[in-house]
Amino acid sequence: MKKSKFSEEQIATALRQVDAGAAVLDVMRELGISEATYDVWRKRYGRMAIAEIRRLRQRDEENSRLKQLVADLTLDKVILQEVLAKKS
């Protein structure tokens, strides 16, 4: 997963500013983000607290690491099966 240039605190703060009544365009301009980025943040992080956002990001990183591990092991298994098939 691509690493965001914004920290969890910045994302949560931006979402809370809009919830508190700040104009979305002002917050977007201040952070230098597009409307699409803001919409993704709102959809993904919604009403989460900073700690929840951190846990979500850590879980995503762990999932991607585990997926890579499974892919590597699957590749090793296929290679070993091919070697065994050639010996037979």
C-alpha atoms as a PDB file:
ATOM      1  CA  MET A   1       0.000   0.000   0.000  1.00  0.00           C
ATOM      2  CA  LYS A   2       1.267   3.445  -0.870  1.00  0.00           C
ATOM      3  CA  LYS A   3       2.417   5.470   2.135  1.00  0.00           C
ATOM      4  CA  SER A   4       0.435   8.678   2.575  1.00  0.00           C
ATOM      5  CA  LYS A   5       2.315  11.919   3.004  1.00  0.00           C
ATOM      6  CA  PHE A   6      -0.249  12.851   5.650  1.00  0.00           C
ATOM      7  CA  SER A   7      -0.159  11.443   9.159  1.00  0.00           C
ATOM      8  CA  GLU A   8      -3.147   9.970  10.922  1.00  0.00           C
ATOM      9  CA  GLU A   9      -3.362  13.110  13.040  1.00  0.00           C
ATOM     10  CA  GLN A  10      -3.515  15.359   9.968  1.00  0.00           C
ATOM     11  CA  ILE A  11      -6.229  13.252   8.348  1.00  0.00           C
ATOM     12  CA  ALA A  12      -8.318  13.103  11.517  1.00  0.00           C
ATOM     13  CA  THR A  13      -7.828  16.829  12.146  1.00  0.00           C
ATOM     14  CA  ALA A  14      -8.950  17.691   8.627  1.00  0.00           C
ATOM     15  CA  LEU A  15     -12.080  15.576   8.973  1.00  0.00           C
ATOM     16  CA  ARG A  16     -12.867  17.075  12.399  1.00  0.00           C
ATOM     17  CA  GLN A  17     -12.443  20.626  11.070  1.00  0.00           C
ATOM     18  CA  VAL A  18     -15.089  19.975   8.429  1.00  0.00           C
ATOM     19  CA  ASP A  19     -17.348  18.319  11.017  1.00  0.00           C
ATOM     20  CA  ALA A  20     -16.954  21.414  13.201  1.00  0.00           C
ATOM     21  CA  GLY A  21     -18.205  23.636  10.384  1.00  0.00           C
ATOM     22  CA  ALA A  22     -15.140  24.660   8.409  1.00  0.00           C
ATOM     23  CA  ALA A  23     -15.603  24.857   4.657  1.00  0.00           C
ATOM     24  CA  VAL A  24     -14.438  21.754   2.840  1.00  0.00           C
ATOM     25  CA  LEU A  25     -12.732  23.832   0.141  1.00  0.00           C
ATOM     26  CA  ASP A  26     -10.776  25.784   2.757  1.00  0.00           C
ATOM     27  CA  VAL A  27      -9.508  22.602   4.430  1.00  0.00           C
ATOM     28  CA  MET A  28      -8.621  21.086   1.059  1.00  0.00           C
ATOM     29  CA  ARG A  29      -6.758  24.216  -0.001  1.00  0.00           C
ATOM     30  CA  GLU A  30      -4.896  24.383   3.304  1.00  0.00           C
ATOM     31  CA  LEU A  31      -3.688  20.784   2.989  1.00  0.00           C
ATOM     32  CA  GLY A  32      -3.186  20.908  -0.762  1.00  0.00           C
ATOM     33  CA  ILE A  33      -5.421  17.923  -1.475  1.00  0.00           C
ATOM     34  CA  SER A  34      -8.025  17.289  -4.137  1.00  0.00           C
ATOM     35  CA  GLU A  35     -11.700  16.777  -3.591  1.00  0.00           C
ATOM     36  CA  ALA A  36     -11.244  13.115  -4.519  1.00  0.00           C
ATOM     37  CA  THR A  37      -8.642  12.680  -1.772  1.00  0.00           C
ATOM     38  CA  TYR A  38     -10.951  14.292   0.775  1.00  0.00           C
ATOM     39  CA  ASP A  39     -13.817  12.036  -0.332  1.00  0.00           C
ATOM     40  CA  VAL A  40     -11.620   8.935   0.025  1.00  0.00           C
ATOM     41  CA  TRP A  41     -10.557  10.042   3.507  1.00  0.00           C
ATOM     42  CA  ARG A  42     -14.148  10.733   4.532  1.00  0.00           C
ATOM     43  CA  LYS A  43     -15.321   7.406   3.142  1.00  0.00           C
ATOM     44  CA  ARG A  44     -12.472   5.417   4.660  1.00  0.00           C
ATOM     45  CA  TYR A  45     -11.911   7.141   8.006  1.00  0.00           C
ATOM     46  CA  GLY A  46     -15.312   8.774   8.588  1.00  0.00           C
ATOM     47  CA  ARG A  47     -15.841   9.093  12.313  1.00  0.00           C
ATOM     48  CA  MET A  48     -12.745   7.171  13.428  1.00  0.00           C
ATOM     49  CA  ALA A  49     -10.515   8.465  16.180  1.00  0.00           C
ATOM     50  CA  ILE A  50      -6.782   8.863  15.616  1.00  0.00           C
ATOM     51  CA  ALA A  51      -6.038   5.610  17.464  1.00  0.00           C
ATOM     52  CA  GLU A  52      -8.511   3.713  15.285  1.00  0.00           C
ATOM     53  CA  ILE A  53      -6.947   5.163  12.123  1.00  0.00           C
ATOM     54  CA  ARG A  54      -3.504   4.047  13.333  1.00  0.00           C
ATOM     55  CA  ARG A  55      -4.773   0.532  14.031  1.00  0.00           C
ATOM     56  CA  LEU A  56      -6.385   0.391  10.592  1.00  0.00           C
ATOM     57  CA  ARG A  57      -3.157   1.457   8.883  1.00  0.00           C
ATOM     58  CA  GLN A  58      -1.109  -1.058  10.913  1.00  0.00           C
ATOM     59  CA  ARG A  59      -3.599  -3.798  10.041  1.00  0.00           C
ATOM     60  CA  ASP A  60      -3.369  -2.922   6.344  1.00  0.00           C
ATOM     61  CA  GLU A  61       0.428  -3.038   6.461  1.00  0.00           C
ATOM     62  CA  GLU A  62       0.347  -6.393   8.252  1.00  0.00           C
ATOM     63  CA  ASN A  63      -2.152  -7.783   5.725  1.00  0.00           C
ATOM     64  CA  SER A  64      -0.005  -6.740   2.780  1.00  0.00           C
ATOM     65  CA  ARG A  65       3.067  -8.300   4.428  1.00  0.00           C
ATOM     66  CA  LEU A  66       1.176 -11.552   5.031  1.00  0.00           C
ATOM     67  CA  LYS A  67      -0.167 -11.611   1.470  1.00  0.00           C
ATOM     68  CA  GLN A  68       3.369 -11.263   0.155  1.00  0.00           C
ATOM     69  CA  LEU A  69       4.498 -14.086   2.433  1.00  0.00           C
ATOM     70  CA  VAL A  70       1.711 -16.364   1.178  1.00  0.00           C
ATOM     71  CA  ALA A  71       2.570 -15.521  -2.437  1.00  0.00           C
ATOM     72  CA  ASP A  72       6.237 -16.352  -1.853  1.00  0.00           C
ATOM     73  CA  LEU A  73       5.415 -19.657  -0.165  1.00  0.00           C
ATOM     74  CA  THR A  74       2.974 -20.588  -2.922  1.00  0.00           C
ATOM     75  CA  LEU A  75       5.636 -19.913  -5.532  1.00  0.00           C
ATOM     76  CA  ASP A  76       8.115 -22.076  -3.604  1.00  0.00           C
ATOM     77  CA  LYS A  77       5.555 -24.883  -3.440  1.00  0.00           C
ATOM     78  CA  VAL A  78       4.901 -24.752  -7.189  1.00  0.00           C
ATOM     79  CA  ILE A  79       8.624 -24.824  -7.960  1.00  0.00           C
ATOM     80  CA  LEU A  80       9.166 -27.818  -5.660  1.00  0.00           C
ATOM     81  CA  GLN A  81       6.240 -29.669  -7.241  1.00  0.00           C
ATOM     82  CA  GLU A  82       7.704 -29.073 -10.713  1.00  0.00           C
ATOM     83  CA  VAL A  83      11.112 -30.388  -9.586  1.00  0.00           C
ATOM     84  CA  LEU A  84       9.482 -33.511  -8.121  1.00  0.00           C
ATOM     85  CA  ALA A  85       7.461 -34.058 -11.283  1.00  0.00           C
ATOM     86  CA  LYS A  86      10.614 -33.906 -13.425  1.00  0.00           C
ATOM     87  CA  LYS A  87      12.363 -36.493 -11.238  1.00  0.00           C
ATOM     88  CA  SER A  88       9.513 -38.993 -11.651  1.00  0.00           C
END
